Amino acid sequence: MTLLRHGQAEPADGFPEDFERTLTRRGASEAREIAARIARRSPIPELILVSPAMRTWATAAQVAVACELDSRQVRSARELYLAAPATLWRLVTSLNPGVGHVLVCGHNPALSQIASRLGPKPRSRELATAGVATAVWSATGWADLEPETAVSCTLDGPQDMADSDSQV
């Protein structure tokens, strides 16, 4: 499972609804950069679950293109919009067992809160814009997962985060 925070968004005061905020020029660049990194990894996501906010869709679209996913492999999940960590986790653990690797593109603070619980030694992890946390489990089914039982958690992100990749 990969958690991806959307790229940097325009300030809220320029939009009538938070939902409509778009990526800044920097955010679009971050999204392209992290999408290219995700596409070079193994395994690449088989499914992207994305919050329907414009900034998350723009970020997820970059990943879908880089990973050569088709539209059936990118699904909007309304409940991801500014979701609580429990809601996000419930969505992931209810996935079809046939999905091997999912990428969830959403918002903080939920993504960072879940990322902080991943792995055998949970620790504070604050995902920057376009930051990624990828966890691996030895369990075979989504319903069996707990954040703390992840075998590993790798962090990545564009530009300044690239020098601080870490694995637990």
Foldseek 3Di string as FASTA:
>chain_A
DKEWEFFAWDDPVVDPDPLAIAHDPRRLVQLLVLLLVLLPDPPRFQAEEEANRRRQVSSVVSNCVNNVHDPVRYHYDNCQAVHALVSVLVVQLPDDLVGDHYYYYHHPPNRQVLLQQAELDRHGDDADHRKMKDFAAPDRGSNPDDRNRTHKIWIATPDPCNVVIDMD
